[in-house]
Amino acid sequence: MRNKKGFTLIELLVVIAIIGLLSTLAVVSLNGARQKARDAVRKSDLNAIATAMELYKTESGNDQYYATVGACATPANLATKATDGDLCEGNAIGTYMTSIPGDPSTDQEYTYTGDADGYTITADLESTASSFVCTNGSCKEVAD
């Protein structure tokens, strides 16, 4: 009688199935963590923009959220670029931030509406059915 050593085909298939199941669970869990991380970046970006907007309003001396004269005098987009491609010095981002933050998954600019007296910046969150909104220095998560 020979002494056979090794695994049977059934044992190998069971181990492969278990490894496959565990790797699937790991990938699903990792995707959720990535969504939450991108949402954290969005919230951080909007808080930074809101802080820059408030600093600009406070320190500009004109008590407004953007310059009212010059090439950058437009409320349509807080991330306005001058015609030469440089960031405008007449708005909060050109004055207090070194670059225009964009959405981490699409690299598109965040939604901005406003005028010299107020603004609203919005980012849609991935991990929850909500948006993160900053209005005149106050930021909060809002259900869609």
Protein backbone atom coordinates (compact mmCIF):
# COMPACT_ATOMS: atom_id res chain seq x y z
CA MET A 1 0.00 0.00 0.00
CA ARG A 2 1.34 3.39 -1.04
CA ASN A 3 1.10 6.45 1.16
CA LYS A 4 -0.41 9.22 -1.02
CA LYS A 5 0.28 12.79 0.03
CA GLY A 6 -1.41 15.90 -1.36
CA PHE A 7 -4.77 17.54 -1.72
CA THR A 8 -7.81 16.16 -3.46
CA LEU A 9 -9.47 18.04 -6.29
CA ILE A 10 -12.46 18.83 -4.06
CA GLU A 11 -10.24 20.36 -1.38
CA LEU A 12 -8.49 22.56 -3.95
CA LEU A 13 -11.81 23.74 -5.41
CA VAL A 14 -13.14 24.63 -1.96
CA VAL A 15 -10.02 26.67 -1.16
CA ILE A 16 -10.19 28.48 -4.52
CA ALA A 17 -13.88 29.29 -3.96
CA ILE A 18 -13.15 30.69 -0.48
CA ILE A 19 -10.29 32.84 -1.81
CA GLY A 20 -12.54 34.12 -4.60
CA LEU A 21 -15.29 35.03 -2.14
CA LEU A 22 -12.89 36.85 0.18
CA SER A 23 -11.32 38.82 -2.66
CA THR A 24 -14.76 39.86 -3.93
CA LEU A 25 -15.71 41.13 -0.48
CA ALA A 26 -12.42 43.02 -0.22
CA VAL A 27 -12.96 44.76 -3.57
CA VAL A 28 -16.53 45.79 -2.68
CA SER A 29 -15.39 47.14 0.67
CA LEU A 30 -12.48 48.99 -0.94
CA ASN A 31 -14.79 50.77 -3.41
CA GLY A 32 -16.88 52.10 -0.53
CA ALA A 33 -13.77 53.39 1.18
CA ARG A 34 -12.66 55.11 -2.03
CA GLN A 35 -16.04 56.85 -2.36
CA LYS A 36 -15.83 58.08 1.24
CA ALA A 37 -12.28 59.32 0.64
CA ARG A 38 -13.35 61.28 -2.47
CA ASP A 39 -16.26 62.74 -0.48
CA ALA A 40 -13.82 63.85 2.23
CA VAL A 41 -11.74 65.60 -0.44
CA ARG A 42 -14.85 67.34 -1.80
CA LYS A 43 -15.81 68.57 1.67
CA SER A 44 -12.28 69.76 2.34
CA ASP A 45 -12.13 71.59 -1.01
CA LEU A 46 -15.43 73.38 -0.41
CA ASN A 47 -14.42 74.35 3.13
CA ALA A 48 -11.15 75.76 1.76
CA ILE A 49 -12.98 77.73 -0.94
CA ALA A 50 -15.47 79.06 1.61
CA THR A 51 -12.62 80.13 3.89
CA ALA A 52 -10.89 81.89 0.99
CA MET A 53 -14.15 83.63 0.07
CA GLU A 54 -14.66 84.83 3.66
CA LEU A 55 -11.03 86.01 3.93
CA TYR A 56 -11.37 87.90 0.65
CA LYS A 57 -14.59 89.57 1.80
CA THR A 58 -13.10 90.52 5.16
CA GLU A 59 -9.69 91.69 3.99
CA SER A 60 -10.52 93.27 0.62
CA GLY A 61 -12.11 96.26 2.29
CA ASN A 62 -15.08 96.35 -0.08
CA ASP A 63 -17.19 93.85 1.92
CA GLN A 64 -17.87 91.83 -1.23
CA TYR A 65 -17.08 88.26 -2.30
CA TYR A 66 -15.42 89.18 -5.60
CA ALA A 67 -13.85 92.18 -7.26
CA THR A 68 -16.33 94.52 -8.89
CA VAL A 69 -13.89 96.03 -11.36
CA GLY A 70 -11.30 94.70 -13.79
CA ALA A 71 -10.94 91.62 -15.95
CA CYS A 72 -11.95 89.26 -13.16
CA ALA A 73 -15.12 91.11 -12.14
CA THR A 74 -17.58 88.31 -12.72
CA PRO A 75 -19.84 86.56 -10.24
CA ALA A 76 -20.54 83.76 -12.73
CA ASN A 77 -17.56 81.65 -11.70
CA LEU A 78 -15.45 82.08 -8.60
CA ALA A 79 -12.65 80.13 -10.30
CA THR A 80 -12.27 82.65 -13.11
CA LYS A 81 -9.02 82.63 -15.03
CA ALA A 82 -7.62 85.73 -16.64
CA THR A 83 -7.12 85.76 -20.41
CA ASP A 84 -3.43 84.92 -19.97
CA GLY A 85 -4.36 81.72 -18.08
CA ASP A 86 -3.25 82.94 -14.66
CA LEU A 87 -5.61 82.90 -11.72
CA CYS A 88 -7.37 86.21 -11.30
CA GLU A 89 -6.01 88.35 -8.50
CA GLY A 90 -9.41 90.02 -8.16
CA ASN A 91 -11.16 87.07 -6.57
CA ALA A 92 -10.77 84.81 -3.56
CA ILE A 93 -9.06 81.91 -5.32
CA GLY A 94 -6.56 84.10 -7.11
CA THR A 95 -5.78 85.90 -3.87
CA TYR A 96 -5.84 83.14 -1.21
CA MET A 97 -5.47 79.82 -3.02
CA THR A 98 -2.70 78.61 -5.30
CA SER A 99 -4.91 76.47 -7.53
CA ILE A 100 -8.51 75.84 -8.44
CA PRO A 101 -9.73 72.66 -6.72
CA GLY A 102 -11.79 70.31 -8.83
CA ASP A 103 -13.90 67.25 -8.18
CA PRO A 104 -11.57 64.30 -7.41
CA SER A 105 -13.35 61.85 -9.71
CA THR A 106 -14.14 64.09 -12.70
CA ASP A 107 -11.68 67.01 -12.20
CA GLN A 108 -14.55 69.35 -13.09
CA GLU A 109 -15.02 72.59 -11.19
CA TYR A 110 -17.56 72.62 -8.38
CA THR A 111 -20.95 74.25 -9.01
CA TYR A 112 -20.88 77.91 -8.01
CA THR A 113 -23.62 80.53 -8.04
CA GLY A 114 -23.54 83.95 -6.51
CA ASP A 115 -22.84 87.61 -6.74
CA ALA A 116 -20.82 90.18 -4.81
CA ASP A 117 -23.15 89.85 -1.80
CA GLY A 118 -23.33 86.05 -1.47
CA TYR A 119 -22.46 82.69 -2.97
CA THR A 120 -23.31 79.00 -2.92
CA ILE A 121 -20.83 76.25 -3.81
CA THR A 122 -22.14 72.70 -4.25
CA ALA A 123 -20.57 69.25 -4.63
CA ASP A 124 -22.50 66.00 -5.07
CA LEU A 125 -21.36 63.26 -2.69
CA GLU A 126 -20.89 59.66 -3.87
CA SER A 127 -21.24 57.65 -0.69
CA THR A 128 -24.58 59.16 0.33
CA ALA A 129 -27.55 60.53 -1.58
CA SER A 130 -26.70 64.09 -0.61
CA SER A 131 -24.76 67.19 -1.53
CA PHE A 132 -22.26 69.26 0.39
CA VAL A 133 -23.15 72.94 0.21
CA CYS A 134 -21.30 76.04 1.36
CA THR A 135 -23.27 79.29 1.50
CA ASN A 136 -21.64 82.52 2.66
CA GLY A 137 -19.13 80.75 4.90
CA SER A 138 -21.46 78.10 6.31
CA CYS A 139 -20.97 74.54 5.05
CA LYS A 140 -23.26 71.54 5.60
CA GLU A 141 -24.43 68.27 4.07
CA VAL A 142 -27.89 68.47 2.50
CA ALA A 143 -30.04 65.47 1.52
CA ASP A 144 -31.03 65.40 -2.15
